[in-house]
PDB file of all heavy atoms in Angstrom:
ATOM      1  N   THR A   1      29.834 -67.726 -16.646  1.00  0.00           N
ATOM      2  CA  THR A   1      28.787 -68.076 -15.696  1.00  0.00           C
ATOM      3  C   THR A   1      29.278 -67.921 -14.271  1.00  0.00           C
ATOM      4  O   THR A   1      30.332 -68.390 -13.895  1.00  0.00           O
ATOM      5  CB  THR A   1      28.339 -69.536 -15.901  1.00  0.00           C
ATOM      6  OG1 THR A   1      29.456 -70.397 -15.724  1.00  0.00           O
ATOM      7  CG2 THR A   1      27.773 -69.733 -17.302  1.00  0.00           C
ATOM      8  N   THR A   2      28.509 -67.225 -13.461  1.00  0.00           N
ATOM      9  CA  THR A   2      28.764 -67.127 -12.027  1.00  0.00           C
ATOM     10  C   THR A   2      27.441 -67.314 -11.307  1.00  0.00           C
ATOM     11  O   THR A   2      26.373 -67.221 -11.903  1.00  0.00           O
ATOM     12  CB  THR A   2      29.360 -65.757 -11.647  1.00  0.00           C
ATOM     13  OG1 THR A   2      28.480 -64.725 -12.111  1.00  0.00           O
ATOM     14  CG2 THR A   2      30.724 -65.562 -12.277  1.00  0.00           C
ATOM     15  N   SER A   3      27.512 -67.582 -10.019  1.00  0.00           N
ATOM     16  CA  SER A   3      26.294 -67.817  -9.266  1.00  0.00           C
ATOM     17  C   SER A   3      25.511 -66.524  -9.096  1.00  0.00           C
ATOM     18  O   SER A   3      26.062 -65.485  -8.733  1.00  0.00           O
ATOM     19  CB  SER A   3      26.624 -68.396  -7.892  1.00  0.00           C
ATOM     20  OG  SER A   3      25.472 -68.467  -7.094  1.00  0.00           O
ATOM     21  N   SER A   4      24.222 -66.571  -9.360  1.00  0.00           N
ATOM     22  CA  SER A   4      23.371 -65.402  -9.191  1.00  0.00           C
ATOM     23  C   SER A   4      22.730 -65.395  -7.807  1.00  0.00           C
ATOM     24  O   SER A   4      22.044 -64.450  -7.440  1.00  0.00           O
ATOM     25  CB  SER A   4      22.281 -65.395 -10.269  1.00  0.00           C
ATOM     26  OG  SER A   4      21.500 -66.574 -10.179  1.00  0.00           O
ATOM     27  N   VAL A   5      22.945 -66.485  -7.046  1.00  0.00           N
ATOM     28  CA  VAL A   5      22.307 -66.593  -5.740  1.00  0.00           C
ATOM     29  C   VAL A   5      23.233 -66.097  -4.641  1.00  0.00           C
ATOM     30  O   VAL A   5      22.822 -65.358  -3.749  1.00  0.00           O
ATOM     31  CB  VAL A   5      21.901 -68.067  -5.469  1.00  0.00           C
ATOM     32  CG1 VAL A   5      21.275 -68.186  -4.090  1.00  0.00           C
ATOM     33  CG2 VAL A   5      20.932 -68.549  -6.539  1.00  0.00           C
ATOM     34  N   LEU A   6      24.493 -66.499  -4.697  1.00  0.00           N
ATOM     35  CA  LEU A   6      25.436 -66.163  -3.643  1.00  0.00           C
ATOM     36  C   LEU A   6      26.053 -64.787  -3.884  1.00  0.00           C
ATOM     37  O   LEU A   6      26.456 -64.461  -4.989  1.00  0.00           O
ATOM     38  CB  LEU A   6      26.536 -67.214  -3.578  1.00  0.00           C
ATOM     39  CG  LEU A   6      26.075 -68.638  -3.228  1.00  0.00           C
ATOM     40  CD1 LEU A   6      27.213 -69.606  -3.447  1.00  0.00           C
ATOM     41  CD2 LEU A   6      25.577 -68.716  -1.800  1.00  0.00           C
ATOM     42  N   ASN A   7      26.127 -64.002  -2.840  1.00  0.00           N
ATOM     43  CA  ASN A   7      26.766 -62.686  -2.929  1.00  0.00           C
ATOM     44  C   ASN A   7      27.646 -62.525  -1.704  1.00  0.00           C
ATOM     45  O   ASN A   7      27.179 -62.117  -0.638  1.00  0.00           O
ATOM     46  CB  ASN A   7      25.724 -61.573  -2.995  1.00  0.00           C
ATOM     47  CG  ASN A   7      26.370 -60.197  -3.148  1.00  0.00           C
ATOM     48  OD1 ASN A   7      27.598 -60.074  -3.143  1.00  0.00           O
ATOM     49  ND2 ASN A   7      25.553 -59.167  -3.282  1.00  0.00           N
ATOM     50  N   ILE A   8      28.914 -62.868  -1.851  1.00  0.00           N
ATOM     51  CA  ILE A   8      29.809 -62.818  -0.693  1.00  0.00           C
ATOM     52  C   ILE A   8      30.474 -61.456  -0.554  1.00  0.00           C
ATOM     53  O   ILE A   8      31.431 -61.297   0.199  1.00  0.00           O
ATOM     54  CB  ILE A   8      30.864 -63.936  -0.755  1.00  0.00           C
ATOM     55  CG1 ILE A   8      31.725 -63.836  -2.013  1.00  0.00           C
ATOM     56  CG2 ILE A   8      30.208 -65.298  -0.672  1.00  0.00           C
ATOM     57  CD1 ILE A   8      32.873 -64.836  -2.027  1.00  0.00           C
ATOM     58  N   SER A   9      29.941 -60.460  -1.258  1.00  0.00           N
ATOM     59  CA  SER A   9      30.416 -59.092  -1.090  1.00  0.00           C
ATOM     60  C   SER A   9      29.448 -58.278  -0.239  1.00  0.00           C
ATOM     61  O   SER A   9      29.791 -57.202   0.240  1.00  0.00           O
ATOM     62  CB  SER A   9      30.597 -58.416  -2.452  1.00  0.00           C
ATOM     63  OG  SER A   9      31.566 -59.091  -3.226  1.00  0.00           O
ATOM     64  N   ASN A  10      28.239 -58.784  -0.062  1.00  0.00           N
ATOM     65  CA  ASN A  10      27.208 -58.077   0.698  1.00  0.00           C
ATOM     66  C   ASN A  10      27.256 -58.499   2.165  1.00  0.00           C
ATOM     67  O   ASN A  10      27.105 -59.684   2.477  1.00  0.00           O
ATOM     68  CB  ASN A  10      25.829 -58.382   0.109  1.00  0.00           C
ATOM     69  CG  ASN A  10      24.723 -57.669   0.850  1.00  0.00           C
ATOM     70  OD1 ASN A  10      24.264 -58.142   1.885  1.00  0.00           O
ATOM     71  ND2 ASN A  10      24.301 -56.538   0.320  1.00  0.00           N
ATOM     72  N   PRO A  11      27.454 -57.555   3.095  1.00  0.00           N
ATOM     73  CA  PRO A  11      27.606 -57.909   4.512  1.00  0.00           C
ATOM     74  C   PRO A  11      26.417 -58.686   5.077  1.00  0.00           C
ATOM     75  O   PRO A  11      26.612 -59.686   5.775  1.00  0.00           O
ATOM     76  CB  PRO A  11      27.770 -56.554   5.199  1.00  0.00           C
ATOM     77  CG  PRO A  11      28.361 -55.675   4.139  1.00  0.00           C
ATOM     78  CD  PRO A  11      27.735 -56.123   2.862  1.00  0.00           C
ATOM     79  N   GLN A  12      25.207 -58.243   4.781  1.00  0.00           N
ATOM     80  CA  GLN A  12      24.047 -58.925   5.330  1.00  0.00           C
ATOM     81  C   GLN A  12      23.907 -60.338   4.766  1.00  0.00           C
ATOM     82  O   GLN A  12      23.585 -61.282   5.489  1.00  0.00           O
ATOM     83  CB  GLN A  12      22.774 -58.118   5.038  1.00  0.00           C
ATOM     84  CG  GLN A  12      21.548 -58.585   5.815  1.00  0.00           C
ATOM     85  CD  GLN A  12      21.742 -58.511   7.329  1.00  0.00           C
ATOM     86  OE1 GLN A  12      22.360 -57.582   7.846  1.00  0.00           O
ATOM     87  NE2 GLN A  12      21.228 -59.516   8.044  1.00  0.00           N
ATOM     88  N   ALA A  13      24.189 -60.474   3.465  1.00  0.00           N
ATOM     89  CA  ALA A  13      24.112 -61.795   2.843  1.00  0.00           C
ATOM     90  C   ALA A  13      25.155 -62.729   3.443  1.00  0.00           C
ATOM     91  O   ALA A  13      24.895 -63.929   3.645  1.00  0.00           O
ATOM     92  CB  ALA A  13      24.310 -61.676   1.339  1.00  0.00           C
ATOM     93  N   LEU A  14      26.335 -62.198   3.733  1.00  0.00           N
ATOM     94  CA  LEU A  14      27.384 -63.018   4.343  1.00  0.00           C
ATOM     95  C   LEU A  14      26.983 -63.497   5.732  1.00  0.00           C
ATOM     96  O   LEU A  14      27.216 -64.646   6.096  1.00  0.00           O
ATOM     97  CB  LEU A  14      28.687 -62.218   4.420  1.00  0.00           C
ATOM     98  CG  LEU A  14      29.642 -62.319   3.235  1.00  0.00           C
ATOM     99  CD1 LEU A  14      30.863 -61.442   3.449  1.00  0.00           C
ATOM    100  CD2 LEU A  14      30.078 -63.758   3.044  1.00  0.00           C
ATOM    101  N   MET A  15      26.395 -62.619   6.498  1.00  0.00           N
ATOM    102  CA  MET A  15      25.961 -63.006   7.843  1.00  0.00           C
ATOM    103  C   MET A  15      24.907 -64.103   7.777  1.00  0.00           C
ATOM    104  O   MET A  15      24.942 -65.070   8.539  1.00  0.00           O
ATOM    105  CB  MET A  15      25.444 -61.778   8.591  1.00  0.00           C
ATOM    106  CG  MET A  15      26.538 -60.800   8.987  1.00  0.00           C
ATOM    107  SD  MET A  15      25.916 -59.304   9.791  1.00  0.00           S
ATOM    108  CE  MET A  15      25.060 -59.978  11.195  1.00  0.00           C
ATOM    109  N   GLN A  16      23.957 -63.950   6.867  1.00  0.00           N
ATOM    110  CA  GLN A  16      22.923 -64.963   6.724  1.00  0.00           C
ATOM    111  C   GLN A  16      23.516 -66.302   6.272  1.00  0.00           C
ATOM    112  O   GLN A  16      23.049 -67.363   6.684  1.00  0.00           O
ATOM    113  CB  GLN A  16      21.874 -64.484   5.724  1.00  0.00           C
ATOM    114  CG  GLN A  16      21.053 -63.300   6.224  1.00  0.00           C
ATOM    115  CD  GLN A  16      20.080 -62.764   5.185  1.00  0.00           C
ATOM    116  OE1 GLN A  16      20.079 -63.215   4.039  1.00  0.00           O
ATOM    117  NE2 GLN A  16      19.259 -61.799   5.586  1.00  0.00           N
ATOM    118  N   LEU A  17      24.552 -66.235   5.442  1.00  0.00           N
ATOM    119  CA  LEU A  17      25.182 -67.440   4.933  1.00  0.00           C
ATOM    120  C   LEU A  17      25.784 -68.283   6.046  1.00  0.00           C
ATOM    121  O   LEU A  17      25.826 -69.518   5.966  1.00  0.00           O
ATOM    122  CB  LEU A  17      26.264 -67.060   3.908  1.00  0.00           C
ATOM    123  CG  LEU A  17      26.830 -68.179   3.031  1.00  0.00           C
ATOM    124  CD1 LEU A  17      25.733 -68.816   2.186  1.00  0.00           C
ATOM    125  CD2 LEU A  17      27.932 -67.635   2.131  1.00  0.00           C
ATOM    126  N   VAL A  18      26.254 -67.628   7.117  1.00  0.00           N
ATOM    127  CA  VAL A  18      26.860 -68.358   8.236  1.00  0.00           C
ATOM    128  C   VAL A  18      25.895 -68.519   9.407  1.00  0.00           C
ATOM    129  O   VAL A  18      26.302 -68.925  10.498  1.00  0.00           O
ATOM    130  CB  VAL A  18      28.164 -67.679   8.702  1.00  0.00           C
ATOM    131  CG1 VAL A  18      29.150 -67.586   7.560  1.00  0.00           C
ATOM    132  CG2 VAL A  18      27.900 -66.304   9.308  1.00  0.00           C
ATOM    133  N   GLY A  19      24.617 -68.169   9.182  1.00  0.00           N
ATOM    134  CA  GLY A  19      23.601 -68.406  10.205  1.00  0.00           C
ATOM    135  C   GLY A  19      23.393 -67.288  11.195  1.00  0.00           C
ATOM    136  O   GLY A  19      22.910 -67.521  12.312  1.00  0.00           O
ATOM    137  N   LEU A  20      23.746 -66.048  10.813  1.00  0.00           N
ATOM    138  CA  LEU A  20      23.534 -64.898  11.687  1.00  0.00           C
ATOM    139  C   LEU A  20      22.489 -63.969  11.077  1.00  0.00           C
ATOM    140  O   LEU A  20      22.637 -63.532   9.938  1.00  0.00           O
ATOM    141  CB  LEU A  20      24.839 -64.124  11.894  1.00  0.00           C
ATOM    142  CG  LEU A  20      25.921 -64.796  12.748  1.00  0.00           C
ATOM    143  CD1 LEU A  20      27.191 -63.942  12.733  1.00  0.00           C
ATOM    144  CD2 LEU A  20      25.447 -65.005  14.180  1.00  0.00           C
ATOM    145  N   SER A  21      21.454 -63.652  11.834  1.00  0.00           N
ATOM    146  CA  SER A  21      20.434 -62.715  11.351  1.00  0.00           C
ATOM    147  C   SER A  21      20.776 -61.285  11.720  1.00  0.00           C
ATOM    148  O   SER A  21      20.457 -60.335  10.995  1.00  0.00           O
ATOM    149  CB  SER A  21      19.057 -63.089  11.906  1.00  0.00           C
ATOM    150  OG  SER A  21      19.100 -63.136  13.325  1.00  0.00           O
ATOM    151  N   THR A  22      21.458 -61.118  12.867  1.00  0.00           N
ATOM    152  CA  THR A  22      21.895 -59.799  13.311  1.00  0.00           C
ATOM    153  C   THR A  22      23.306 -59.901  13.882  1.00  0.00           C
ATOM    154  O   THR A  22      23.763 -60.983  14.257  1.00  0.00           O
ATOM    155  CB  THR A  22      20.968 -59.234  14.394  1.00  0.00           C
ATOM    156  OG1 THR A  22      20.960 -60.140  15.520  1.00  0.00           O
ATOM    157  CG2 THR A  22      19.538 -59.063  13.867  1.00  0.00           C
ATOM    158  N   ALA A  23      23.965 -58.772  13.958  1.00  0.00           N
ATOM    159  CA  ALA A  23      25.309 -58.746  14.527  1.00  0.00           C
ATOM    160  C   ALA A  23      25.242 -58.973  16.030  1.00  0.00           C
ATOM    161  O   ALA A  23      24.296 -58.513  16.698  1.00  0.00           O
ATOM    162  CB  ALA A  23      25.985 -57.415  14.229  1.00  0.00           C
ATOM    163  N   PRO A  24      26.201 -59.672  16.604  1.00  0.00           N
ATOM    164  CA  PRO A  24      26.207 -59.877  18.058  1.00  0.00           C
ATOM    165  C   PRO A  24      26.410 -58.558  18.792  1.00  0.00           C
ATOM    166  O   PRO A  24      26.966 -57.598  18.248  1.00  0.00           O
ATOM    167  CB  PRO A  24      27.392 -60.829  18.274  1.00  0.00           C
ATOM    168  CG  PRO A  24      28.249 -60.671  17.068  1.00  0.00           C
ATOM    169  CD  PRO A  24      27.330 -60.345  15.943  1.00  0.00           C
ATOM    170  N   SER A  25      25.968 -58.509  20.032  1.00  0.00           N
ATOM    171  CA  SER A  25      26.020 -57.261  20.803  1.00  0.00           C
ATOM    172  C   SER A  25      27.420 -56.941  21.313  1.00  0.00           C
ATOM    173  O   SER A  25      27.721 -55.787  21.619  1.00  0.00           O
ATOM    174  CB  SER A  25      25.055 -57.350  21.989  1.00  0.00           C
ATOM    175  OG  SER A  25      25.369 -58.485  22.792  1.00  0.00           O
ATOM    176  N   THR A  26      28.279 -57.944  21.405  1.00  0.00           N
ATOM    177  CA  THR A  26      29.655 -57.715  21.864  1.00  0.00           C
ATOM    178  C   THR A  26      30.636 -58.048  20.742  1.00  0.00           C
ATOM    179  O   THR A  26      30.383 -58.941  19.932  1.00  0.00           O
ATOM    180  CB  THR A  26      29.982 -58.578  23.092  1.00  0.00           C
ATOM    181  OG1 THR A  26      29.767 -59.960  22.764  1.00  0.00           O
ATOM    182  CG2 THR A  26      29.093 -58.203  24.263  1.00  0.00           C
ATOM    183  N   PRO A  27      31.764 -57.338  20.678  1.00  0.00           N
ATOM    184  CA  PRO A  27      32.743 -57.583  19.606  1.00  0.00           C
ATOM    185  C   PRO A  27      33.302 -59.003  19.650  1.00  0.00           C
ATOM    186  O   PRO A  27      33.413 -59.615  20.720  1.00  0.00           O
ATOM    187  CB  PRO A  27      33.846 -56.554  19.902  1.00  0.00           C
ATOM    188  CG  PRO A  27      33.191 -55.510  20.728  1.00  0.00           C
ATOM    189  CD  PRO A  27      32.162 -56.217  21.545  1.00  0.00           C
ATOM    190  N   VAL A  28      33.628 -59.506  18.471  1.00  0.00           N
ATOM    191  CA  VAL A  28      34.222 -60.833  18.324  1.00  0.00           C
ATOM    192  C   VAL A  28      35.613 -60.657  17.715  1.00  0.00           C
ATOM    193  O   VAL A  28      35.751 -60.047  16.650  1.00  0.00           O
ATOM    194  CB  VAL A  28      33.359 -61.737  17.425  1.00  0.00           C
ATOM    195  CG1 VAL A  28      34.044 -63.080  17.225  1.00  0.00           C
ATOM    196  CG2 VAL A  28      31.972 -61.912  18.021  1.00  0.00           C
ATOM    197  N   THR A  29      36.631 -61.185  18.369  1.00  0.00           N
ATOM    198  CA  THR A  29      38.013 -61.043  17.903  1.00  0.00           C
ATOM    199  C   THR A  29      38.480 -62.335  17.239  1.00  0.00           C
ATOM    200  O   THR A  29      38.276 -63.424  17.769  1.00  0.00           O
ATOM    201  CB  THR A  29      38.956 -60.705  19.072  1.00  0.00           C
ATOM    202  OG1 THR A  29      38.555 -59.469  19.660  1.00  0.00           O
ATOM    203  CG2 THR A  29      40.395 -60.586  18.582  1.00  0.00           C
ATOM    204  N   ILE A  30      39.090 -62.183  16.060  1.00  0.00           N
ATOM    205  CA  ILE A  30      39.694 -63.342  15.393  1.00  0.00           C
ATOM    206  C   ILE A  30      41.160 -63.024  15.108  1.00  0.00           C
ATOM    207  O   ILE A  30      41.525 -61.880  14.831  1.00  0.00           O
ATOM    208  CB  ILE A  30      38.973 -63.718  14.079  1.00  0.00           C
ATOM    209  CG1 ILE A  30      38.996 -62.549  13.084  1.00  0.00           C
ATOM    210  CG2 ILE A  30      37.556 -64.166  14.347  1.00  0.00           C
ATOM    211  CD1 ILE A  30      38.456 -62.921  11.703  1.00  0.00           C
ATOM    212  N   THR A  31      41.995 -64.048  15.199  1.00  0.00           N
ATOM    213  CA  THR A  31      43.417 -63.916  14.891  1.00  0.00           C
ATOM    214  C   THR A  31      43.668 -64.433  13.482  1.00  0.00           C
ATOM    215  O   THR A  31      43.129 -65.468  13.084  1.00  0.00           O
ATOM    216  CB  THR A  31      44.268 -64.697  15.895  1.00  0.00           C
ATOM    217  OG1 THR A  31      43.772 -66.040  15.993  1.00  0.00           O
ATOM    218  CG2 THR A  31      44.206 -64.046  17.270  1.00  0.00           C
ATOM    219  N   VAL A  32      44.499 -63.714  12.732  1.00  0.00           N
ATOM    220  CA  VAL A  32      44.769 -64.063  11.338  1.00  0.00           C
ATOM    221  C   VAL A  32      46.272 -64.070  11.102  1.00  0.00           C
ATOM    222  O   VAL A  32      46.966 -63.104  11.439  1.00  0.00           O
ATOM    223  CB  VAL A  32      44.104 -63.053  10.368  1.00  0.00           C
ATOM    224  CG1 VAL A  32      44.475 -63.371   8.925  1.00  0.00           C
ATOM    225  CG2 VAL A  32      42.589 -63.060  10.549  1.00  0.00           C
ATOM    226  N   TRP A  33      46.768 -65.165  10.531  1.00  0.00           N
ATOM    227  CA  TRP A  33      48.163 -65.224  10.090  1.00  0.00           C
ATOM    228  C   TRP A  33      48.201 -64.958   8.595  1.00  0.00           C
ATOM    229  O   TRP A  33      47.592 -65.674   7.803  1.00  0.00           O
ATOM    230  CB  TRP A  33      48.759 -66.599  10.391  1.00  0.00           C
ATOM    231  CG  TRP A  33      49.254 -66.720  11.805  1.00  0.00           C
ATOM    232  CD1 TRP A  33      49.054 -65.842  12.821  1.00  0.00           C
ATOM    233  CD2 TRP A  33      50.028 -67.797  12.339  1.00  0.00           C
ATOM    234  NE1 TRP A  33      49.648 -66.306  13.966  1.00  0.00           N
ATOM    235  CE2 TRP A  33      50.259 -67.496  13.696  1.00  0.00           C
ATOM    236  CE3 TRP A  33      50.542 -68.970  11.815  1.00  0.00           C
ATOM    237  CZ2 TRP A  33      50.992 -68.345  14.526  1.00  0.00           C
ATOM    238  CZ3 TRP A  33      51.270 -69.817  12.646  1.00  0.00           C
ATOM    239  CH2 TRP A  33      51.502 -69.500  13.984  1.00  0.00           C
ATOM    240  N   ASN A  34      48.943 -63.928   8.234  1.00  0.00           N
ATOM    241  CA  ASN A  34      48.996 -63.424   6.866  1.00  0.00           C
ATOM    242  C   ASN A  34      50.343 -63.796   6.245  1.00  0.00           C
ATOM    243  O   ASN A  34      51.391 -63.560   6.836  1.00  0.00           O
ATOM    244  CB  ASN A  34      48.803 -61.898   6.921  1.00  0.00           C
ATOM    245  CG  ASN A  34      49.174 -61.172   5.653  1.00  0.00           C
ATOM    246  OD1 ASN A  34      50.171 -61.461   5.002  1.00  0.00           O
ATOM    247  ND2 ASN A  34      48.390 -60.172   5.311  1.00  0.00           N
ATOM    248  N   SER A  35      50.312 -64.369   5.041  1.00  0.00           N
ATOM    249  CA  SER A  35      51.554 -64.791   4.379  1.00  0.00           C
ATOM    250  C   SER A  35      51.791 -64.045   3.073  1.00  0.00           C
ATOM    251  O   SER A  35      52.484 -64.528   2.181  1.00  0.00           O
ATOM    252  CB  SER A  35      51.511 -66.306   4.111  1.00  0.00           C
ATOM    253  OG  SER A  35      50.395 -66.648   3.305  1.00  0.00           O
ATOM    254  N   TYR A  36      51.196 -62.866   2.938  1.00  0.00           N
ATOM    255  CA  TYR A  36      51.328 -62.091   1.706  1.00  0.00           C
ATOM    256  C   TYR A  36      52.696 -61.420   1.585  1.00  0.00           C
ATOM    257  O   TYR A  36      53.377 -61.155   2.578  1.00  0.00           O
ATOM    258  CB  TYR A  36      50.260 -61.001   1.649  1.00  0.00           C
ATOM    259  CG  TYR A  36      48.866 -61.493   1.319  1.00  0.00           C
ATOM    260  CD1 TYR A  36      47.821 -61.313   2.212  1.00  0.00           C
ATOM    261  CD2 TYR A  36      48.596 -62.114   0.105  1.00  0.00           C
ATOM    262  CE1 TYR A  36      46.536 -61.742   1.909  1.00  0.00           C
ATOM    263  CE2 TYR A  36      47.320 -62.543  -0.209  1.00  0.00           C
ATOM    264  CZ  TYR A  36      46.293 -62.353   0.696  1.00  0.00           C
ATOM    265  OH  TYR A  36      45.021 -62.786   0.393  1.00  0.00           O
ATOM    266  N   SER A  37      53.046 -61.089   0.332  1.00  0.00           N
ATOM    267  CA  SER A  37      54.254 -60.310   0.054  1.00  0.00           C
ATOM    268  C   SER A  37      53.953 -58.832   0.294  1.00  0.00           C
ATOM    269  O   SER A  37      52.813 -58.458   0.609  1.00  0.00           O
ATOM    270  CB  SER A  37      54.680 -60.515  -1.401  1.00  0.00           C
ATOM    271  OG  SER A  37      53.702 -59.953  -2.278  1.00  0.00           O
TER     272      SER A  37
END
């Protein structure tokens, strides 16, 4: 069983999930610390 409602692989669905209907007009930069091998 997996959720049939949530689709966190679809870009538009992801944006809607966080409250965005459209992409912002200016780029947004995020910093990420990666601990992978």
